[in-house]
Amino acid sequence: MGTDGAPSGDGSGQDEKIVTGEAPAQVDVPDLPATGKIPTTDVERHLTALLNNGANPELISVTGYTQDPKLGSERQPYGVRVLCHSGAIISGLFRQTLSAGQQSTRESDFKQRESL
């Protein structure tokens, strides 16, 4: 995961300043099917719920790209945005969305599939 637009972190040799607040409210974790094709949207929602439910007091919110029309793009429709009480914004992008047995290649980087 990368960071954007937030404080760049504490300087070398300094103690990290942890900023906390109220953790995100718990949400239902959607089930994923054990077999067959899985919609990438369902994987995104599952990951978003797991991160959200971690009860981390450093986090304000966790949002899937498909849950907010202002997030994502035509090329990168799936991902996760994490907002932190420190002001940090973390973007988790799906680098590979491959079928079972498919090999990862540079050409498959960031090419999003609708199902896995």
PDB file of N, CA and C in Angstrom:
ATOM      1  N   MET A   1       0.838  -1.165   0.000  1.00  0.00           N
ATOM      2  CA  MET A   1       0.000   0.000   0.000  1.00  0.00           C
ATOM      3  C   MET A   1       0.886   1.233   0.000  1.00  0.00           C
ATOM      4  N   GLY A   2       0.461   2.252  -0.701  1.00  0.00           N
ATOM      5  CA  GLY A   2       1.189   3.497  -0.738  1.00  0.00           C
ATOM      6  C   GLY A   2       0.460   4.568   0.052  1.00  0.00           C
ATOM      7  N   THR A   3       1.106   5.699   0.255  1.00  0.00           N
ATOM      8  CA  THR A   3       0.464   6.810   0.955  1.00  0.00           C
ATOM      9  C   THR A   3       0.389   8.001   0.029  1.00  0.00           C
ATOM     10  N   ASP A   4      -0.651   8.825   0.193  1.00  0.00           N
ATOM     11  CA  ASP A   4      -0.732  10.047  -0.580  1.00  0.00           C
ATOM     12  C   ASP A   4      -1.204  11.205   0.288  1.00  0.00           C
ATOM     13  N   GLY A   5      -0.696  12.379  -0.024  1.00  0.00           N
ATOM     14  CA  GLY A   5      -1.218  13.613   0.503  1.00  0.00           C
ATOM     15  C   GLY A   5      -1.168  13.811   2.006  1.00  0.00           C
ATOM     16  N   ALA A   6      -0.409  13.076   2.721  1.00  0.00           N
ATOM     17  CA  ALA A   6      -0.437  13.174   4.166  1.00  0.00           C
ATOM     18  C   ALA A   6       0.938  13.531   4.694  1.00  0.00           C
ATOM     19  N   PRO A   7       1.019  13.771   5.984  1.00  0.00           N
ATOM     20  CA  PRO A   7       2.338  14.007   6.555  1.00  0.00           C
ATOM     21  C   PRO A   7       3.292  12.895   6.151  1.00  0.00           C
ATOM     22  N   SER A   8       4.554  13.249   5.915  1.00  0.00           N
ATOM     23  CA  SER A   8       5.509  12.296   5.368  1.00  0.00           C
ATOM     24  C   SER A   8       6.115  11.364   6.400  1.00  0.00           C
ATOM     25  N   GLY A   9       5.708  11.452   7.640  1.00  0.00           N
ATOM     26  CA  GLY A   9       6.256  10.559   8.651  1.00  0.00           C
ATOM     27  C   GLY A   9       7.266  11.286   9.514  1.00  0.00           C
ATOM     28  N   ASP A  10       7.616  10.648  10.580  1.00  0.00           N
ATOM     29  CA  ASP A  10       8.546  11.240  11.525  1.00  0.00           C
ATOM     30  C   ASP A  10       9.969  11.075  11.013  1.00  0.00           C
ATOM     31  N   GLY A  11      10.829  12.018  11.355  1.00  0.00           N
ATOM     32  CA  GLY A  11      12.208  11.991  10.918  1.00  0.00           C
ATOM     33  C   GLY A  11      12.984  10.838  11.532  1.00  0.00           C
ATOM     34  N   SER A  12      14.058  10.481  10.890  1.00  0.00           N
ATOM     35  CA  SER A  12      14.914   9.406  11.365  1.00  0.00           C
ATOM     36  C   SER A  12      15.436   9.734  12.754  1.00  0.00           C
ATOM     37  N   GLY A  13      15.431   8.750  13.637  1.00  0.00           N
ATOM     38  CA  GLY A  13      15.940   8.933  14.978  1.00  0.00           C
ATOM     39  C   GLY A  13      14.931   9.510  15.941  1.00  0.00           C
ATOM     40  N   GLN A  14      13.749   9.873  15.453  1.00  0.00           N
ATOM     41  CA  GLN A  14      12.703  10.401  16.324  1.00  0.00           C
ATOM     42  C   GLN A  14      11.685   9.308  16.613  1.00  0.00           C
ATOM     43  N   ASP A  15      11.083   9.381  17.786  1.00  0.00           N
ATOM     44  CA  ASP A  15      10.002   8.459  18.087  1.00  0.00           C
ATOM     45  C   ASP A  15       8.803   8.802  17.214  1.00  0.00           C
ATOM     46  N   GLU A  16       8.142   7.779  16.725  1.00  0.00           N
ATOM     47  CA  GLU A  16       6.952   7.997  15.904  1.00  0.00           C
ATOM     48  C   GLU A  16       5.836   8.543  16.781  1.00  0.00           C
ATOM     49  N   LYS A  17       5.155   9.581  16.291  1.00  0.00           N
ATOM     50  CA  LYS A  17       4.014  10.136  17.003  1.00  0.00           C
ATOM     51  C   LYS A  17       2.760   9.416  16.502  1.00  0.00           C
ATOM     52  N   ILE A  18       2.152   8.640  17.376  1.00  0.00           N
ATOM     53  CA  ILE A  18       0.946   7.893  17.029  1.00  0.00           C
ATOM     54  C   ILE A  18      -0.259   8.776  17.317  1.00  0.00           C
ATOM     55  N   VAL A  19      -1.108   8.972  16.318  1.00  0.00           N
ATOM     56  CA  VAL A  19      -2.322   9.760  16.478  1.00  0.00           C
ATOM     57  C   VAL A  19      -3.496   8.792  16.464  1.00  0.00           C
ATOM     58  N   THR A  20      -4.283   8.813  17.533  1.00  0.00           N
ATOM     59  CA  THR A  20      -5.405   7.886  17.642  1.00  0.00           C
ATOM     60  C   THR A  20      -6.702   8.643  17.868  1.00  0.00           C
ATOM     61  N   GLY A  21      -7.779   7.932  17.709  1.00  0.00           N
ATOM     62  CA  GLY A  21      -9.124   8.454  17.922  1.00  0.00           C
ATOM     63  C   GLY A  21     -10.064   7.266  17.941  1.00  0.00           C
ATOM     64  N   GLU A  22     -11.302   7.539  17.678  1.00  0.00           N
ATOM     65  CA  GLU A  22     -12.290   6.458  17.653  1.00  0.00           C
ATOM     66  C   GLU A  22     -12.068   5.592  16.408  1.00  0.00           C
ATOM     67  N   ALA A  23     -12.016   4.281  16.614  1.00  0.00           N
ATOM     68  CA  ALA A  23     -11.862   3.337  15.495  1.00  0.00           C
ATOM     69  C   ALA A  23     -13.159   3.280  14.689  1.00  0.00           C
ATOM     70  N   PRO A  24     -13.085   2.855  13.425  1.00  0.00           N
ATOM     71  CA  PRO A  24     -14.304   2.725  12.622  1.00  0.00           C
ATOM     72  C   PRO A  24     -15.290   1.748  13.266  1.00  0.00           C
ATOM     73  N   ALA A  25     -16.569   2.014  13.073  1.00  0.00           N
ATOM     74  CA  ALA A  25     -17.611   1.111  13.583  1.00  0.00           C
ATOM     75  C   ALA A  25     -17.528  -0.236  12.860  1.00  0.00           C
ATOM     76  N   GLN A  26     -17.823  -1.290  13.581  1.00  0.00           N
ATOM     77  CA  GLN A  26     -17.804  -2.639  13.008  1.00  0.00           C
ATOM     78  C   GLN A  26     -18.867  -2.762  11.915  1.00  0.00           C
ATOM     79  N   VAL A  27     -18.554  -3.535  10.895  1.00  0.00           N
ATOM     80  CA  VAL A  27     -19.482  -3.809   9.790  1.00  0.00           C
ATOM     81  C   VAL A  27     -19.528  -5.314   9.551  1.00  0.00           C
ATOM     82  N   ASP A  28     -20.557  -5.773   8.848  1.00  0.00           N
ATOM     83  CA  ASP A  28     -20.634  -7.183   8.476  1.00  0.00           C
ATOM     84  C   ASP A  28     -19.564  -7.492   7.440  1.00  0.00           C
ATOM     85  N   VAL A  29     -18.924  -8.652   7.571  1.00  0.00           N
ATOM     86  CA  VAL A  29     -17.928  -9.101   6.594  1.00  0.00           C
ATOM     87  C   VAL A  29     -18.645  -9.997   5.595  1.00  0.00           C
ATOM     88  N   PRO A  30     -18.704  -9.579   4.330  1.00  0.00           N
ATOM     89  CA  PRO A  30     -19.382 -10.414   3.334  1.00  0.00           C
ATOM     90  C   PRO A  30     -18.620 -11.720   3.100  1.00  0.00           C
ATOM     91  N   ASP A  31     -19.376 -12.791   2.927  1.00  0.00           N
ATOM     92  CA  ASP A  31     -18.770 -14.088   2.621  1.00  0.00           C
ATOM     93  C   ASP A  31     -18.256 -14.094   1.191  1.00  0.00           C
ATOM     94  N   LEU A  32     -17.223 -14.897   0.981  1.00  0.00           N
ATOM     95  CA  LEU A  32     -16.712 -15.144  -0.369  1.00  0.00           C
ATOM     96  C   LEU A  32     -16.968 -16.608  -0.691  1.00  0.00           C
ATOM     97  N   PRO A  33     -17.379 -16.901  -1.922  1.00  0.00           N
ATOM     98  CA  PRO A  33     -17.619 -18.295  -2.281  1.00  0.00           C
ATOM     99  C   PRO A  33     -16.329 -19.111  -2.246  1.00  0.00           C
ATOM    100  N   ALA A  34     -16.449 -20.367  -1.858  1.00  0.00           N
ATOM    101  CA  ALA A  34     -15.281 -21.255  -1.779  1.00  0.00           C
ATOM    102  C   ALA A  34     -14.865 -21.769  -3.157  1.00  0.00           C
ATOM    103  N   THR A  35     -15.774 -21.782  -4.110  1.00  0.00           N
ATOM    104  CA  THR A  35     -15.474 -22.273  -5.457  1.00  0.00           C
ATOM    105  C   THR A  35     -16.087 -21.342  -6.493  1.00  0.00           C
ATOM    106  N   GLY A  36     -15.628 -21.487  -7.720  1.00  0.00           N
ATOM    107  CA  GLY A  36     -16.171 -20.709  -8.826  1.00  0.00           C
ATOM    108  C   GLY A  36     -15.561 -19.320  -8.896  1.00  0.00           C
ATOM    109  N   LYS A  37     -16.037 -18.559  -9.867  1.00  0.00           N
ATOM    110  CA  LYS A  37     -15.543 -17.196 -10.055  1.00  0.00           C
ATOM    111  C   LYS A  37     -16.048 -16.300  -8.925  1.00  0.00           C
ATOM    112  N   ILE A  38     -15.175 -15.401  -8.493  1.00  0.00           N
ATOM    113  CA  ILE A  38     -15.513 -14.460  -7.430  1.00  0.00           C
ATOM    114  C   ILE A  38     -15.434 -13.054  -8.020  1.00  0.00           C
ATOM    115  N   PRO A  39     -16.520 -12.299  -7.954  1.00  0.00           N
ATOM    116  CA  PRO A  39     -16.453 -10.918  -8.446  1.00  0.00           C
ATOM    117  C   PRO A  39     -15.392 -10.122  -7.669  1.00  0.00           C
ATOM    118  N   THR A  40     -14.584  -9.356  -8.379  1.00  0.00           N
ATOM    119  CA  THR A  40     -13.541  -8.562  -7.752  1.00  0.00           C
ATOM    120  C   THR A  40     -14.144  -7.566  -6.767  1.00  0.00           C
ATOM    121  N   THR A  41     -15.345  -7.075  -7.062  1.00  0.00           N
ATOM    122  CA  THR A  41     -16.044  -6.179  -6.143  1.00  0.00           C
ATOM    123  C   THR A  41     -16.257  -6.855  -4.790  1.00  0.00           C
ATOM    124  N   ASP A  42     -16.597  -8.150  -4.793  1.00  0.00           N
ATOM    125  CA  ASP A  42     -16.807  -8.883  -3.544  1.00  0.00           C
ATOM    126  C   ASP A  42     -15.501  -9.024  -2.760  1.00  0.00           C
ATOM    127  N   VAL A  43     -14.393  -9.249  -3.463  1.00  0.00           N
ATOM    128  CA  VAL A  43     -13.084  -9.346  -2.803  1.00  0.00           C
ATOM    129  C   VAL A  43     -12.744  -7.995  -2.166  1.00  0.00           C
ATOM    130  N   GLU A  44     -12.967  -6.917  -2.897  1.00  0.00           N
ATOM    131  CA  GLU A  44     -12.711  -5.580  -2.371  1.00  0.00           C
ATOM    132  C   GLU A  44     -13.551  -5.323  -1.118  1.00  0.00           C
ATOM    133  N   ARG A  45     -14.831  -5.638  -1.161  1.00  0.00           N
ATOM    134  CA  ARG A  45     -15.711  -5.424   0.001  1.00  0.00           C
ATOM    135  C   ARG A  45     -15.278  -6.270   1.194  1.00  0.00           C
ATOM    136  N   HIS A  46     -14.849  -7.489   0.937  1.00  0.00           N
ATOM    137  CA  HIS A  46     -14.382  -8.384   2.000  1.00  0.00           C
ATOM    138  C   HIS A  46     -13.134  -7.802   2.675  1.00  0.00           C
ATOM    139  N   LEU A  47     -12.151  -7.396   1.879  1.00  0.00           N
ATOM    140  CA  LEU A  47     -10.924  -6.808   2.420  1.00  0.00           C
ATOM    141  C   LEU A  47     -11.208  -5.510   3.175  1.00  0.00           C
ATOM    142  N   THR A  48     -12.081  -4.694   2.628  1.00  0.00           N
ATOM    143  CA  THR A  48     -12.451  -3.437   3.278  1.00  0.00           C
ATOM    144  C   THR A  48     -13.059  -3.699   4.649  1.00  0.00           C
ATOM    145  N   ALA A  49     -13.962  -4.663   4.729  1.00  0.00           N
ATOM    146  CA  ALA A  49     -14.602  -4.992   6.013  1.00  0.00           C
ATOM    147  C   ALA A  49     -13.591  -5.533   7.018  1.00  0.00           C
ATOM    148  N   LEU A  50     -12.668  -6.383   6.561  1.00  0.00           N
ATOM    149  CA  LEU A  50     -11.654  -6.929   7.474  1.00  0.00           C
ATOM    150  C   LEU A  50     -10.774  -5.824   8.041  1.00  0.00           C
ATOM    151  N   LEU A  51     -10.314  -4.911   7.187  1.00  0.00           N
ATOM    152  CA  LEU A  51      -9.495  -3.794   7.654  1.00  0.00           C
ATOM    153  C   LEU A  51     -10.294  -2.899   8.599  1.00  0.00           C
ATOM    154  N   ASN A  52     -11.521  -2.625   8.241  1.00  0.00           N
ATOM    155  CA  ASN A  52     -12.400  -1.785   9.050  1.00  0.00           C
ATOM    156  C   ASN A  52     -12.613  -2.386  10.436  1.00  0.00           C
ATOM    157  N   ASN A  53     -12.804  -3.687  10.504  1.00  0.00           N
ATOM    158  CA  ASN A  53     -13.140  -4.358  11.760  1.00  0.00           C
ATOM    159  C   ASN A  53     -11.931  -4.670  12.628  1.00  0.00           C
ATOM    160  N   GLY A  54     -10.762  -4.239  12.230  1.00  0.00           N
ATOM    161  CA  GLY A  54      -9.562  -4.484  13.019  1.00  0.00           C
ATOM    162  C   GLY A  54      -9.504  -3.659  14.301  1.00  0.00           C
ATOM    163  N   ALA A  55     -10.455  -2.755  14.498  1.00  0.00           N
ATOM    164  CA  ALA A  55     -10.546  -1.918  15.701  1.00  0.00           C
ATOM    165  C   ALA A  55      -9.258  -1.124  15.943  1.00  0.00           C
ATOM    166  N   ASN A  56      -8.615  -0.690  14.857  1.00  0.00           N
ATOM    167  CA  ASN A  56      -7.378   0.079  14.971  1.00  0.00           C
ATOM    168  C   ASN A  56      -7.724   1.540  15.282  1.00  0.00           C
ATOM    169  N   PRO A  57      -7.318   2.055  16.453  1.00  0.00           N
ATOM    170  CA  PRO A  57      -7.671   3.430  16.809  1.00  0.00           C
ATOM    171  C   PRO A  57      -6.936   4.493  15.987  1.00  0.00           C
ATOM    172  N   GLU A  58      -6.007   4.077  15.128  1.00  0.00           N
ATOM    173  CA  GLU A  58      -5.337   5.035  14.246  1.00  0.00           C
ATOM    174  C   GLU A  58      -6.178   5.336  13.006  1.00  0.00           C
ATOM    175  N   LEU A  59      -7.192   4.495  12.723  1.00  0.00           N
ATOM    176  CA  LEU A  59      -7.983   4.628  11.506  1.00  0.00           C
ATOM    177  C   LEU A  59      -9.284   5.383  11.746  1.00  0.00           C
ATOM    178  N   ILE A  60      -9.640   6.222  10.774  1.00  0.00           N
ATOM    179  CA  ILE A  60     -10.941   6.902  10.773  1.00  0.00           C
ATOM    180  C   ILE A  60     -11.937   6.073   9.976  1.00  0.00           C
ATOM    181  N   SER A  61     -11.514   5.674   8.764  1.00  0.00           N
ATOM    182  CA  SER A  61     -12.432   4.933   7.891  1.00  0.00           C
ATOM    183  C   SER A  61     -11.664   4.110   6.870  1.00  0.00           C
ATOM    184  N   VAL A  62     -12.359   3.101   6.342  1.00  0.00           N
ATOM    185  CA  VAL A  62     -11.831   2.259   5.278  1.00  0.00           C
ATOM    186  C   VAL A  62     -12.931   2.178   4.222  1.00  0.00           C
ATOM    187  N   THR A  63     -12.593   2.548   2.969  1.00  0.00           N
ATOM    188  CA  THR A  63     -13.590   2.604   1.903  1.00  0.00           C
ATOM    189  C   THR A  63     -13.085   1.895   0.660  1.00  0.00           C
ATOM    190  N   GLY A  64     -13.920   1.037   0.081  1.00  0.00           N
ATOM    191  CA  GLY A  64     -13.595   0.414  -1.193  1.00  0.00           C
ATOM    192  C   GLY A  64     -13.832   1.386  -2.326  1.00  0.00           C
ATOM    193  N   TYR A  65     -13.013   1.288  -3.351  1.00  0.00           N
ATOM    194  CA  TYR A  65     -13.153   2.191  -4.501  1.00  0.00           C
ATOM    195  C   TYR A  65     -14.536   2.090  -5.136  1.00  0.00           C
ATOM    196  N   THR A  66     -15.122   0.892  -5.160  1.00  0.00           N
ATOM    197  CA  THR A  66     -16.440   0.746  -5.783  1.00  0.00           C
ATOM    198  C   THR A  66     -17.554   1.284  -4.895  1.00  0.00           C
ATOM    199  N   GLN A  67     -17.246   1.630  -3.644  1.00  0.00           N
ATOM    200  CA  GLN A  67     -18.254   2.179  -2.730  1.00  0.00           C
ATOM    201  C   GLN A  67     -18.370   3.690  -2.845  1.00  0.00           C
ATOM    202  N   ASP A  68     -17.406   4.343  -3.470  1.00  0.00           N
ATOM    203  CA  ASP A  68     -17.390   5.800  -3.566  1.00  0.00           C
ATOM    204  C   ASP A  68     -17.028   6.196  -4.993  1.00  0.00           C
ATOM    205  N   PRO A  69     -17.954   6.847  -5.707  1.00  0.00           N
ATOM    206  CA  PRO A  69     -17.683   7.191  -7.107  1.00  0.00           C
ATOM    207  C   PRO A  69     -16.507   8.139  -7.307  1.00  0.00           C
ATOM    208  N   LYS A  70     -16.041   8.816  -6.248  1.00  0.00           N
ATOM    209  CA  LYS A  70     -14.898   9.723  -6.367  1.00  0.00           C
ATOM    210  C   LYS A  70     -13.567   8.966  -6.319  1.00  0.00           C
ATOM    211  N   LEU A  71     -13.615   7.694  -5.950  1.00  0.00           N
ATOM    212  CA  LEU A  71     -12.391   6.896  -5.858  1.00  0.00           C
ATOM    213  C   LEU A  71     -12.228   6.037  -7.105  1.00  0.00           C
ATOM    214  N   GLY A  72     -11.033   5.587  -7.334  1.00  0.00           N
ATOM    215  CA  GLY A  72     -10.774   4.701  -8.465  1.00  0.00           C
ATOM    216  C   GLY A  72     -10.823   5.433  -9.788  1.00  0.00           C
ATOM    217  N   SER A  73     -10.673   4.652 -10.838  1.00  0.00           N
ATOM    218  CA  SER A  73     -10.682   5.190 -12.195  1.00  0.00           C
ATOM    219  C   SER A  73     -11.095   4.069 -13.133  1.00  0.00           C
ATOM    220  N   GLU A  74     -11.211   4.400 -14.394  1.00  0.00           N
ATOM    221  CA  GLU A  74     -11.558   3.372 -15.380  1.00  0.00           C
ATOM    222  C   GLU A  74     -10.482   2.289 -15.419  1.00  0.00           C
ATOM    223  N   ARG A  75      -9.228   2.687 -15.294  1.00  0.00           N
ATOM    224  CA  ARG A  75      -8.111   1.733 -15.337  1.00  0.00           C
ATOM    225  C   ARG A  75      -7.936   1.015 -14.004  1.00  0.00           C
ATOM    226  N   GLN A  76      -8.265   1.667 -12.896  1.00  0.00           N
ATOM    227  CA  GLN A  76      -8.085   1.103 -11.552  1.00  0.00           C
ATOM    228  C   GLN A  76      -9.405   1.204 -10.788  1.00  0.00           C
ATOM    229  N   PRO A  77     -10.395   0.362 -11.173  1.00  0.00           N
ATOM    230  CA  PRO A  77     -11.710   0.474 -10.540  1.00  0.00           C
ATOM    231  C   PRO A  77     -11.803  -0.138  -9.145  1.00  0.00           C
ATOM    232  N   TYR A  78     -10.837  -0.979  -8.768  1.00  0.00           N
ATOM    233  CA  TYR A  78     -10.890  -1.664  -7.475  1.00  0.00           C
ATOM    234  C   TYR A  78      -9.713  -1.239  -6.605  1.00  0.00           C
ATOM    235  N   GLY A  79      -9.969  -1.111  -5.332  1.00  0.00           N
ATOM    236  CA  GLY A  79      -8.926  -0.747  -4.385  1.00  0.00           C
ATOM    237  C   GLY A  79      -9.536  -0.396  -3.053  1.00  0.00           C
ATOM    238  N   VAL A  80      -8.691   0.019  -2.118  1.00  0.00           N
ATOM    239  CA  VAL A  80      -9.128   0.359  -0.769  1.00  0.00           C
ATOM    240  C   VAL A  80      -8.434   1.650  -0.347  1.00  0.00           C
ATOM    241  N   ARG A  81      -9.211   2.584   0.210  1.00  0.00           N
ATOM    242  CA  ARG A  81      -8.640   3.820   0.756  1.00  0.00           C
ATOM    243  C   ARG A  81      -8.832   3.807   2.267  1.00  0.00           C
ATOM    244  N   VAL A  82      -7.744   4.073   2.992  1.00  0.00           N
ATOM    245  CA  VAL A  82      -7.771   4.120   4.450  1.00  0.00           C
ATOM    246  C   VAL A  82      -7.433   5.543   4.887  1.00  0.00           C
ATOM    247  N   LEU A  83      -8.334   6.154   5.661  1.00  0.00           N
ATOM    248  CA  LEU A  83      -8.076   7.475   6.225  1.00  0.00           C
ATOM    249  C   LEU A  83      -7.651   7.301   7.677  1.00  0.00           C
ATOM    250  N   CYS A  84      -6.582   8.000   8.062  1.00  0.00           N
ATOM    251  CA  CYS A  84      -6.027   7.888   9.413  1.00  0.00           C
ATOM    252  C   CYS A  84      -6.229   9.186  10.190  1.00  0.00           C
ATOM    253  N   HIS A  85      -6.324   9.062  11.504  1.00  0.00           N
ATOM    254  CA  HIS A  85      -6.456  10.234  12.367  1.00  0.00           C
ATOM    255  C   HIS A  85      -5.261  11.171  12.237  1.00  0.00           C
ATOM    256  N   SER A  86      -4.115  10.665  11.815  1.00  0.00           N
ATOM    257  CA  SER A  86      -2.917  11.495  11.637  1.00  0.00           C
ATOM    258  C   SER A  86      -3.007  12.388  10.405  1.00  0.00           C
ATOM    259  N   GLY A  87      -3.991  12.133   9.561  1.00  0.00           N
ATOM    260  CA  GLY A  87      -4.100  12.849   8.293  1.00  0.00           C
ATOM    261  C   GLY A  87      -3.580  12.032   7.127  1.00  0.00           C
ATOM    262  N   ALA A  88      -2.935  10.906   7.409  1.00  0.00           N
ATOM    263  CA  ALA A  88      -2.424  10.040   6.335  1.00  0.00           C
ATOM    264  C   ALA A  88      -3.590   9.416   5.571  1.00  0.00           C
ATOM    265  N   ILE A  89      -3.365   9.244   4.280  1.00  0.00           N
ATOM    266  CA  ILE A  89      -4.312   8.559   3.407  1.00  0.00           C
ATOM    267  C   ILE A  89      -3.541   7.408   2.760  1.00  0.00           C
ATOM    268  N   ILE A  90      -4.027   6.203   2.956  1.00  0.00           N
ATOM    269  CA  ILE A  90      -3.363   5.019   2.405  1.00  0.00           C
ATOM    270  C   ILE A  90      -4.226   4.457   1.291  1.00  0.00           C
ATOM    271  N   SER A  91      -3.634   4.222   0.132  1.00  0.00           N
ATOM    272  CA  SER A  91      -4.336   3.643  -1.006  1.00  0.00           C
ATOM    273  C   SER A  91      -3.814   2.245  -1.253  1.00  0.00           C
ATOM    274  N   GLY A  92      -4.699   1.271  -1.181  1.00  0.00           N
ATOM    275  CA  GLY A  92      -4.342  -0.117  -1.478  1.00  0.00           C
ATOM    276  C   GLY A  92      -4.876  -0.470  -2.852  1.00  0.00           C
ATOM    277  N   LEU A  93      -3.979  -0.703  -3.793  1.00  0.00           N
ATOM    278  CA  LEU A  93      -4.365  -0.999  -5.170  1.00  0.00           C
ATOM    279  C   LEU A  93      -4.236  -2.487  -5.451  1.00  0.00           C
ATOM    280  N   PHE A  94      -5.070  -3.000  -6.301  1.00  0.00           N
ATOM    281  CA  PHE A  94      -4.998  -4.399  -6.715  1.00  0.00           C
ATOM    282  C   PHE A  94      -4.004  -4.471  -7.871  1.00  0.00           C
ATOM    283  N   ARG A  95      -2.807  -4.940  -7.576  1.00  0.00           N
ATOM    284  CA  ARG A  95      -1.778  -5.019  -8.612  1.00  0.00           C
ATOM    285  C   ARG A  95      -2.062  -6.153  -9.590  1.00  0.00           C
ATOM    286  N   GLN A  96      -2.473  -7.289  -9.080  1.00  0.00           N
ATOM    287  CA  GLN A  96      -2.759  -8.448  -9.930  1.00  0.00           C
ATOM    288  C   GLN A  96      -4.152  -8.984  -9.615  1.00  0.00           C
ATOM    289  N   THR A  97      -4.945  -9.219 -10.610  1.00  0.00           N
ATOM    290  CA  THR A  97      -6.212  -9.935 -10.461  1.00  0.00           C
ATOM    291  C   THR A  97      -6.156 -11.082 -11.458  1.00  0.00           C
ATOM    292  N   LEU A  98      -5.652 -12.210 -10.997  1.00  0.00           N
ATOM    293  CA  LEU A  98      -5.381 -13.350 -11.867  1.00  0.00           C
ATOM    294  C   LEU A  98      -6.327 -14.511 -11.588  1.00  0.00           C
ATOM    295  N   SER A  99      -6.575 -15.298 -12.602  1.00  0.00           N
ATOM    296  CA  SER A  99      -7.335 -16.537 -12.441  1.00  0.00           C
ATOM    297  C   SER A  99      -6.421 -17.597 -11.850  1.00  0.00           C
ATOM    298  N   ALA A 100      -7.016 -18.638 -11.282  1.00  0.00           N
ATOM    299  CA  ALA A 100      -6.233 -19.757 -10.742  1.00  0.00           C
ATOM    300  C   ALA A 100      -5.314 -20.301 -11.828  1.00  0.00           C
ATOM    301  N   GLY A 101      -4.049 -20.469 -11.506  1.00  0.00           N
ATOM    302  CA  GLY A 101      -3.080 -21.029 -12.440  1.00  0.00           C
ATOM    303  C   GLY A 101      -2.463 -20.028 -13.396  1.00  0.00           C
ATOM    304  N   GLN A 102      -3.013 -18.819 -13.487  1.00  0.00           N
ATOM    305  CA  GLN A 102      -2.472 -17.804 -14.389  1.00  0.00           C
ATOM    306  C   GLN A 102      -1.188 -17.237 -13.794  1.00  0.00           C
ATOM    307  N   GLN A 103      -0.166 -17.057 -14.623  1.00  0.00           N
ATOM    308  CA  GLN A 103       1.122 -16.539 -14.181  1.00  0.00           C
ATOM    309  C   GLN A 103       1.124 -15.014 -14.178  1.00  0.00           C
ATOM    310  N   SER A 104       1.764 -14.457 -13.188  1.00  0.00           N
ATOM    311  CA  SER A 104       1.922 -13.020 -13.084  1.00  0.00           C
ATOM    312  C   SER A 104       2.990 -12.547 -14.074  1.00  0.00           C
ATOM    313  N   THR A 105       2.678 -11.491 -14.799  1.00  0.00           N
ATOM    314  CA  THR A 105       3.648 -10.891 -15.726  1.00  0.00           C
ATOM    315  C   THR A 105       3.584  -9.373 -15.573  1.00  0.00           C
ATOM    316  N   ARG A 106       4.587  -8.692 -16.101  1.00  0.00           N
ATOM    317  CA  ARG A 106       4.566  -7.226 -16.066  1.00  0.00           C
ATOM    318  C   ARG A 106       3.362  -6.692 -16.839  1.00  0.00           C
ATOM    319  N   GLU A 107       2.968  -7.394 -17.888  1.00  0.00           N
ATOM    320  CA  GLU A 107       1.831  -6.946 -18.693  1.00  0.00           C
ATOM    321  C   GLU A 107       0.507  -7.074 -17.937  1.00  0.00           C
ATOM    322  N   SER A 108       0.463  -7.969 -16.935  1.00  0.00           N
ATOM    323  CA  SER A 108      -0.781  -8.146 -16.185  1.00  0.00           C
ATOM    324  C   SER A 108      -0.881  -7.205 -14.985  1.00  0.00           C
ATOM    325  N   ASP A 109       0.187  -6.446 -14.705  1.00  0.00           N
ATOM    326  CA  ASP A 109       0.151  -5.486 -13.597  1.00  0.00           C
ATOM    327  C   ASP A 109      -0.965  -4.476 -13.796  1.00  0.00           C
ATOM    328  N   PHE A 110      -1.776  -4.308 -12.776  1.00  0.00           N
ATOM    329  CA  PHE A 110      -2.837  -3.312 -12.707  1.00  0.00           C
ATOM    330  C   PHE A 110      -3.901  -3.448 -13.797  1.00  0.00           C
ATOM    331  N   LYS A 111      -3.971  -4.621 -14.435  1.00  0.00           N
ATOM    332  CA  LYS A 111      -5.079  -4.874 -15.367  1.00  0.00           C
ATOM    333  C   LYS A 111      -6.174  -5.564 -14.565  1.00  0.00           C
ATOM    334  N   GLN A 112      -7.242  -4.831 -14.336  1.00  0.00           N
ATOM    335  CA  GLN A 112      -8.289  -5.288 -13.440  1.00  0.00           C
ATOM    336  C   GLN A 112      -9.313  -6.145 -14.154  1.00  0.00           C
ATOM    337  N   ARG A 113      -9.604  -7.272 -13.541  1.00  0.00           N
ATOM    338  CA  ARG A 113     -10.633  -8.173 -14.068  1.00  0.00           C
ATOM    339  C   ARG A 113     -11.874  -8.038 -13.215  1.00  0.00           C
ATOM    340  N   GLU A 114     -13.044  -8.275 -13.801  1.00  0.00           N
ATOM    341  CA  GLU A 114     -14.299  -8.161 -13.065  1.00  0.00           C
ATOM    342  C   GLU A 114     -14.526  -9.338 -12.131  1.00  0.00           C
ATOM    343  N   SER A 115     -13.863 -10.475 -12.418  1.00  0.00           N
ATOM    344  CA  SER A 115     -13.993 -11.627 -11.522  1.00  0.00           C
ATOM    345  C   SER A 115     -12.681 -12.406 -11.518  1.00  0.00           C
ATOM    346  N   LEU A 116     -12.485 -13.149 -10.448  1.00  0.00           N
ATOM    347  CA  LEU A 116     -11.256 -13.921 -10.274  1.00  0.00           C
ATOM    348  C   LEU A 116     -11.572 -15.396 -10.291  1.00  0.00           C
TER     349      LEU A 116
END
